[in-house]
Amino acid sequence: MKKTAEEEHSACTSILKPVRDSLDVLNGKWKLPIIIALTFGEKRFTEIAQEVHGITDRMLSKELRDLELNDLIKRNVQNSYPVKVTYALTAHSKTLRPVINSLKNWGIMHKKKLQEDCKEFKTAGKKTAVKV
């Protein structure tokens, strides 16, 4: 039985809303790299900055606050002299592991496809190239 336009719209919306919510939390080019850097253990601000190449201190600070607000990382302050601040993943952020793995696998597959397409294009171009 064919779905009505309203049923199709409802089905589409039921998929789009949670995906949009997820993208709103993980948006930008820095949040996932920060989370990935922290999958290897608790780190200080400067250690994260060294692992996430290209991020400015100001942007890292902003992204860490956003991730903390969304319960994806925990900021630990140790009362010592000098004060030591570290960042770690929360249990909630560990639920992203399968998502990150899927993105990694898709990225590898996609890059291979593009390389193959490029190779085919270059090979086809050589066959049809006209000598001048």
N, C-alpha and C. Protein backbone atom coordinates (compact mmCIF):
# COMPACT_ATOMS: atom_id res chain seq x y z
N MET A 1 0.84 -1.18 0.00
CA MET A 1 0.00 0.00 0.00
C MET A 1 0.89 1.25 0.00
N LYS A 2 0.57 2.19 -0.85
CA LYS A 2 1.37 3.39 -1.00
C LYS A 2 1.09 4.37 0.13
N LYS A 3 2.17 4.98 0.61
CA LYS A 3 2.04 5.97 1.68
C LYS A 3 1.53 7.29 1.11
N THR A 4 0.78 8.00 1.93
CA THR A 4 0.32 9.32 1.52
C THR A 4 1.47 10.31 1.70
N ALA A 5 1.34 11.47 1.10
CA ALA A 5 2.37 12.50 1.22
C ALA A 5 2.56 12.89 2.67
N GLU A 6 1.48 12.94 3.43
CA GLU A 6 1.58 13.29 4.85
C GLU A 6 2.35 12.23 5.64
N GLU A 7 2.11 10.95 5.34
CA GLU A 7 2.82 9.86 6.01
C GLU A 7 4.30 9.88 5.65
N GLU A 8 4.61 10.17 4.37
CA GLU A 8 6.01 10.26 3.95
C GLU A 8 6.70 11.42 4.64
N HIS A 9 6.01 12.55 4.74
CA HIS A 9 6.58 13.72 5.42
C HIS A 9 6.84 13.40 6.88
N SER A 10 5.90 12.74 7.53
CA SER A 10 6.04 12.38 8.94
C SER A 10 7.23 11.42 9.13
N ALA A 11 7.36 10.44 8.23
CA ALA A 11 8.48 9.49 8.31
C ALA A 11 9.81 10.21 8.12
N CYS A 12 9.85 11.11 7.16
CA CYS A 12 11.05 11.88 6.90
C CYS A 12 11.42 12.74 8.11
N THR A 13 10.44 13.41 8.66
CA THR A 13 10.67 14.28 9.82
C THR A 13 11.16 13.47 11.02
N SER A 14 10.63 12.26 11.20
CA SER A 14 11.03 11.43 12.34
C SER A 14 12.50 11.01 12.23
N ILE A 15 13.05 11.01 11.03
CA ILE A 15 14.47 10.72 10.83
C ILE A 15 15.29 12.01 10.95
N LEU A 16 14.80 13.07 10.31
CA LEU A 16 15.57 14.31 10.25
C LEU A 16 15.76 14.99 11.60
N LYS A 17 14.74 14.99 12.44
CA LYS A 17 14.83 15.71 13.72
C LYS A 17 15.96 15.19 14.60
N PRO A 18 16.04 13.88 14.86
CA PRO A 18 17.15 13.43 15.71
C PRO A 18 18.52 13.60 15.05
N VAL A 19 18.59 13.48 13.73
CA VAL A 19 19.85 13.71 13.03
C VAL A 19 20.25 15.17 13.18
N ARG A 20 19.31 16.07 13.00
CA ARG A 20 19.57 17.50 13.15
C ARG A 20 20.03 17.82 14.58
N ASP A 21 19.36 17.21 15.57
CA ASP A 21 19.76 17.40 16.97
C ASP A 21 21.20 16.95 17.20
N SER A 22 21.56 15.81 16.63
CA SER A 22 22.92 15.29 16.76
C SER A 22 23.93 16.23 16.12
N LEU A 23 23.61 16.70 14.92
CA LEU A 23 24.51 17.61 14.22
C LEU A 23 24.64 18.95 14.94
N ASP A 24 23.57 19.40 15.60
CA ASP A 24 23.64 20.64 16.37
C ASP A 24 24.64 20.52 17.52
N VAL A 25 24.71 19.35 18.13
CA VAL A 25 25.64 19.14 19.24
C VAL A 25 27.08 18.97 18.74
N LEU A 26 27.24 18.28 17.61
CA LEU A 26 28.58 17.94 17.11
C LEU A 26 29.04 18.83 15.96
N ASN A 27 28.35 19.93 15.74
CA ASN A 27 28.64 20.78 14.58
C ASN A 27 30.05 21.36 14.62
N GLY A 28 30.53 21.77 13.47
CA GLY A 28 31.83 22.39 13.39
C GLY A 28 32.92 21.37 13.11
N LYS A 29 34.10 21.90 12.86
CA LYS A 29 35.20 21.01 12.48
C LYS A 29 36.05 20.57 13.66
N TRP A 30 35.76 21.04 14.87
CA TRP A 30 36.66 20.77 15.99
C TRP A 30 36.12 19.79 17.02
N LYS A 31 34.82 19.67 17.19
CA LYS A 31 34.29 18.88 18.29
C LYS A 31 34.66 17.40 18.20
N LEU A 32 34.47 16.80 17.04
CA LEU A 32 34.82 15.39 16.92
C LEU A 32 36.32 15.16 17.07
N PRO A 33 37.19 15.98 16.48
CA PRO A 33 38.62 15.77 16.73
C PRO A 33 39.00 15.89 18.21
N ILE A 34 38.34 16.78 18.94
CA ILE A 34 38.61 16.91 20.38
C ILE A 34 38.17 15.64 21.10
N ILE A 35 36.98 15.15 20.77
CA ILE A 35 36.48 13.92 21.38
C ILE A 35 37.42 12.76 21.06
N ILE A 36 37.86 12.67 19.82
CA ILE A 36 38.77 11.59 19.43
C ILE A 36 40.09 11.70 20.19
N ALA A 37 40.61 12.91 20.35
CA ALA A 37 41.86 13.09 21.11
C ALA A 37 41.69 12.60 22.56
N LEU A 38 40.50 12.81 23.12
CA LEU A 38 40.26 12.40 24.50
C LEU A 38 39.94 10.91 24.65
N THR A 39 39.71 10.21 23.55
CA THR A 39 39.44 8.77 23.65
C THR A 39 40.67 8.02 24.13
N PHE A 40 41.83 8.65 24.02
CA PHE A 40 43.07 8.01 24.44
C PHE A 40 43.45 8.37 25.88
N GLY A 41 42.52 9.00 26.59
CA GLY A 41 42.73 9.30 28.00
C GLY A 41 42.61 10.77 28.32
N GLU A 42 42.60 11.01 29.62
CA GLU A 42 42.48 12.36 30.16
C GLU A 42 43.67 13.21 29.70
N LYS A 43 43.38 14.48 29.34
CA LYS A 43 44.43 15.37 28.83
C LYS A 43 44.26 16.77 29.38
N ARG A 44 45.38 17.48 29.41
CA ARG A 44 45.37 18.90 29.76
C ARG A 44 45.09 19.70 28.49
N PHE A 45 44.76 20.96 28.68
CA PHE A 45 44.42 21.86 27.57
C PHE A 45 45.50 21.86 26.50
N THR A 46 46.75 22.03 26.92
CA THR A 46 47.85 22.12 25.93
C THR A 46 48.05 20.81 25.18
N GLU A 47 47.80 19.69 25.84
CA GLU A 47 47.93 18.39 25.17
C GLU A 47 46.87 18.24 24.09
N ILE A 48 45.66 18.69 24.39
CA ILE A 48 44.58 18.63 23.39
C ILE A 48 44.93 19.55 22.22
N ALA A 49 45.42 20.75 22.52
CA ALA A 49 45.80 21.70 21.47
C ALA A 49 46.87 21.13 20.56
N GLN A 50 47.81 20.38 21.11
CA GLN A 50 48.87 19.78 20.31
C GLN A 50 48.33 18.67 19.41
N GLU A 51 47.35 17.91 19.89
CA GLU A 51 46.81 16.80 19.11
C GLU A 51 45.82 17.24 18.04
N VAL A 52 45.10 18.33 18.30
CA VAL A 52 44.11 18.83 17.35
C VAL A 52 44.77 19.97 16.57
N HIS A 53 45.47 19.59 15.51
CA HIS A 53 46.26 20.55 14.73
C HIS A 53 45.40 21.64 14.11
N GLY A 54 45.86 22.89 14.26
CA GLY A 54 45.20 24.02 13.62
C GLY A 54 44.20 24.75 14.48
N ILE A 55 43.83 24.21 15.62
CA ILE A 55 42.84 24.87 16.46
C ILE A 55 43.53 25.96 17.30
N THR A 56 42.88 27.10 17.42
CA THR A 56 43.43 28.18 18.25
C THR A 56 43.03 27.93 19.70
N ASP A 57 43.75 28.54 20.63
CA ASP A 57 43.42 28.39 22.05
C ASP A 57 42.02 28.91 22.34
N ARG A 58 41.67 30.00 21.71
CA ARG A 58 40.33 30.58 21.93
C ARG A 58 39.23 29.62 21.46
N MET A 59 39.42 29.03 20.27
CA MET A 59 38.42 28.09 19.74
C MET A 59 38.38 26.82 20.59
N LEU A 60 39.53 26.33 21.00
CA LEU A 60 39.56 25.13 21.84
C LEU A 60 38.81 25.38 23.15
N SER A 61 39.02 26.53 23.74
CA SER A 61 38.34 26.89 24.98
C SER A 61 36.82 26.90 24.78
N LYS A 62 36.37 27.51 23.69
CA LYS A 62 34.94 27.58 23.38
C LYS A 62 34.36 26.18 23.15
N GLU A 63 35.07 25.37 22.38
CA GLU A 63 34.56 24.03 22.06
C GLU A 63 34.54 23.14 23.30
N LEU A 64 35.53 23.27 24.17
CA LEU A 64 35.53 22.50 25.41
C LEU A 64 34.33 22.88 26.28
N ARG A 65 34.02 24.16 26.35
CA ARG A 65 32.83 24.60 27.12
C ARG A 65 31.56 24.01 26.53
N ASP A 66 31.43 24.05 25.19
CA ASP A 66 30.23 23.50 24.53
C ASP A 66 30.11 22.00 24.80
N LEU A 67 31.22 21.29 24.69
CA LEU A 67 31.20 19.84 24.93
C LEU A 67 30.86 19.53 26.38
N GLU A 68 31.34 20.36 27.30
CA GLU A 68 31.02 20.17 28.71
C GLU A 68 29.53 20.42 28.96
N LEU A 69 28.98 21.47 28.36
CA LEU A 69 27.55 21.77 28.51
C LEU A 69 26.67 20.63 27.99
N ASN A 70 27.15 19.92 26.97
CA ASN A 70 26.39 18.81 26.40
C ASN A 70 26.74 17.47 27.04
N ASP A 71 27.45 17.50 28.16
CA ASP A 71 27.81 16.31 28.93
C ASP A 71 28.63 15.31 28.11
N LEU A 72 29.48 15.83 27.23
CA LEU A 72 30.34 14.94 26.44
C LEU A 72 31.76 14.88 27.00
N ILE A 73 32.15 15.91 27.75
CA ILE A 73 33.43 15.88 28.45
C ILE A 73 33.25 16.39 29.87
N LYS A 74 34.20 16.03 30.70
CA LYS A 74 34.18 16.51 32.09
C LYS A 74 35.48 17.26 32.34
N ARG A 75 35.35 18.42 32.94
CA ARG A 75 36.50 19.25 33.31
C ARG A 75 36.83 18.94 34.76
N ASN A 76 38.05 18.49 34.99
CA ASN A 76 38.49 18.14 36.34
C ASN A 76 39.51 19.16 36.81
N VAL A 77 39.23 19.80 37.94
CA VAL A 77 40.13 20.79 38.52
C VAL A 77 40.73 20.20 39.79
N GLN A 78 42.06 20.07 39.81
CA GLN A 78 42.75 19.55 40.99
C GLN A 78 43.29 20.72 41.80
N ASN A 79 42.90 20.77 43.06
CA ASN A 79 43.36 21.85 43.94
C ASN A 79 44.79 21.57 44.37
N SER A 80 45.70 21.96 43.54
CA SER A 80 47.11 21.83 43.85
C SER A 80 47.77 23.14 43.48
N TYR A 81 49.05 23.22 43.71
CA TYR A 81 49.73 24.43 43.28
C TYR A 81 50.81 24.03 42.30
N PRO A 82 50.75 24.47 41.08
CA PRO A 82 49.67 25.25 40.49
C PRO A 82 48.44 24.37 40.24
N VAL A 83 47.32 25.03 40.05
CA VAL A 83 46.06 24.32 39.78
C VAL A 83 46.22 23.52 38.49
N LYS A 84 45.78 22.28 38.53
CA LYS A 84 45.88 21.41 37.34
C LYS A 84 44.46 21.13 36.84
N VAL A 85 44.22 21.46 35.56
CA VAL A 85 42.91 21.23 34.94
C VAL A 85 43.09 20.19 33.84
N THR A 86 42.27 19.15 33.88
CA THR A 86 42.30 18.13 32.84
C THR A 86 40.89 17.93 32.29
N TYR A 87 40.82 17.32 31.13
CA TYR A 87 39.54 17.04 30.46
C TYR A 87 39.49 15.55 30.15
N ALA A 88 38.31 14.98 30.32
CA ALA A 88 38.11 13.56 30.05
C ALA A 88 36.72 13.35 29.45
N LEU A 89 36.57 12.24 28.77
CA LEU A 89 35.27 11.88 28.22
C LEU A 89 34.33 11.43 29.33
N THR A 90 33.07 11.67 29.13
CA THR A 90 32.05 11.16 30.06
C THR A 90 31.56 9.82 29.53
N ALA A 91 30.80 9.12 30.36
CA ALA A 91 30.20 7.86 29.92
C ALA A 91 29.28 8.11 28.72
N HIS A 92 28.60 9.25 28.75
CA HIS A 92 27.68 9.60 27.66
C HIS A 92 28.42 9.77 26.33
N SER A 93 29.60 10.37 26.38
CA SER A 93 30.34 10.60 25.12
C SER A 93 30.85 9.29 24.53
N LYS A 94 31.02 8.29 25.36
CA LYS A 94 31.50 7.00 24.85
C LYS A 94 30.46 6.32 23.96
N THR A 95 29.21 6.78 24.03
CA THR A 95 28.18 6.24 23.14
C THR A 95 28.41 6.68 21.70
N LEU A 96 29.32 7.64 21.50
CA LEU A 96 29.65 8.11 20.14
C LEU A 96 30.65 7.20 19.44
N ARG A 97 31.26 6.25 20.14
CA ARG A 97 32.28 5.39 19.52
C ARG A 97 31.81 4.73 18.23
N PRO A 98 30.63 4.09 18.21
CA PRO A 98 30.20 3.47 16.95
C PRO A 98 29.97 4.49 15.84
N VAL A 99 29.52 5.68 16.20
CA VAL A 99 29.30 6.74 15.21
C VAL A 99 30.64 7.16 14.62
N ILE A 100 31.63 7.38 15.48
CA ILE A 100 32.96 7.79 15.02
C ILE A 100 33.59 6.70 14.17
N ASN A 101 33.44 5.44 14.59
CA ASN A 101 33.96 4.32 13.79
C ASN A 101 33.30 4.26 12.42
N SER A 102 31.99 4.46 12.39
CA SER A 102 31.28 4.45 11.10
C SER A 102 31.75 5.59 10.21
N LEU A 103 31.95 6.78 10.79
CA LEU A 103 32.45 7.92 10.01
C LEU A 103 33.86 7.63 9.48
N LYS A 104 34.70 7.03 10.32
CA LYS A 104 36.06 6.69 9.90
C LYS A 104 36.03 5.70 8.72
N ASN A 105 35.24 4.65 8.87
CA ASN A 105 35.15 3.64 7.81
C ASN A 105 34.59 4.23 6.52
N TRP A 106 33.57 5.07 6.63
CA TRP A 106 33.00 5.70 5.45
C TRP A 106 34.03 6.62 4.80
N GLY A 107 34.77 7.36 5.61
CA GLY A 107 35.80 8.27 5.08
C GLY A 107 36.87 7.52 4.32
N ILE A 108 37.31 6.37 4.84
CA ILE A 108 38.31 5.55 4.15
C ILE A 108 37.75 5.05 2.83
N MET A 109 36.51 4.54 2.86
CA MET A 109 35.87 4.02 1.65
C MET A 109 35.69 5.13 0.61
N HIS A 110 35.25 6.29 1.05
CA HIS A 110 34.99 7.41 0.15
C HIS A 110 36.28 7.89 -0.50
N LYS A 111 37.34 8.00 0.29
CA LYS A 111 38.62 8.45 -0.25
C LYS A 111 39.13 7.47 -1.31
N LYS A 112 38.99 6.16 -1.03
CA LYS A 112 39.39 5.14 -2.01
C LYS A 112 38.61 5.30 -3.30
N LYS A 113 37.30 5.51 -3.17
CA LYS A 113 36.45 5.68 -4.35
C LYS A 113 36.89 6.88 -5.17
N LEU A 114 37.15 8.00 -4.49
CA LEU A 114 37.59 9.19 -5.21
C LEU A 114 38.92 8.97 -5.91
N GLN A 115 39.83 8.26 -5.24
CA GLN A 115 41.13 7.97 -5.86
C GLN A 115 40.95 7.08 -7.09
N GLU A 116 40.08 6.09 -7.00
CA GLU A 116 39.81 5.21 -8.15
C GLU A 116 39.16 5.99 -9.28
N ASP A 117 38.20 6.86 -8.94
CA ASP A 117 37.54 7.68 -9.96
C ASP A 117 38.54 8.59 -10.64
N CYS A 118 39.44 9.16 -9.86
CA CYS A 118 40.45 10.06 -10.41
C CYS A 118 41.38 9.29 -11.35
N LYS A 119 41.78 8.10 -10.92
CA LYS A 119 42.66 7.26 -11.74
C LYS A 119 41.97 6.90 -13.06
N GLU A 120 40.68 6.53 -12.98
CA GLU A 120 39.91 6.20 -14.19
C GLU A 120 39.79 7.41 -15.10
N PHE A 121 39.57 8.58 -14.51
CA PHE A 121 39.45 9.80 -15.30
C PHE A 121 40.75 10.11 -16.02
N LYS A 122 41.87 9.99 -15.31
CA LYS A 122 43.17 10.25 -15.92
C LYS A 122 43.46 9.24 -17.02
N THR A 123 43.13 7.97 -16.80
CA THR A 123 43.35 6.93 -17.80
C THR A 123 42.48 7.19 -19.02
N ALA A 124 41.22 7.54 -18.81
CA ALA A 124 40.31 7.84 -19.92
C ALA A 124 40.79 9.07 -20.67
N GLY A 125 41.31 10.06 -19.95
CA GLY A 125 41.81 11.29 -20.57
C GLY A 125 43.00 11.01 -21.47
N LYS A 126 43.87 10.08 -21.10
CA LYS A 126 45.03 9.75 -21.91
C LYS A 126 44.61 9.09 -23.22
N LYS A 127 43.55 8.29 -23.17
CA LYS A 127 43.09 7.59 -24.36
C LYS A 127 42.48 8.55 -25.37
N THR A 128 41.83 9.59 -24.86
CA THR A 128 41.13 10.51 -25.78
C THR A 128 41.90 11.79 -26.03
N ALA A 129 43.08 11.89 -25.42
CA ALA A 129 43.85 13.12 -25.60
C ALA A 129 44.32 13.25 -27.05
N VAL A 130 44.27 14.44 -27.54
CA VAL A 130 44.69 14.73 -28.91
C VAL A 130 46.05 15.40 -28.85
N LYS A 131 47.00 14.88 -29.65
CA LYS A 131 48.31 15.51 -29.68
C LYS A 131 48.26 16.76 -30.53
N VAL A 132 48.91 17.77 -30.05
CA VAL A 132 48.92 19.05 -30.77
C VAL A 132 50.26 19.26 -31.40
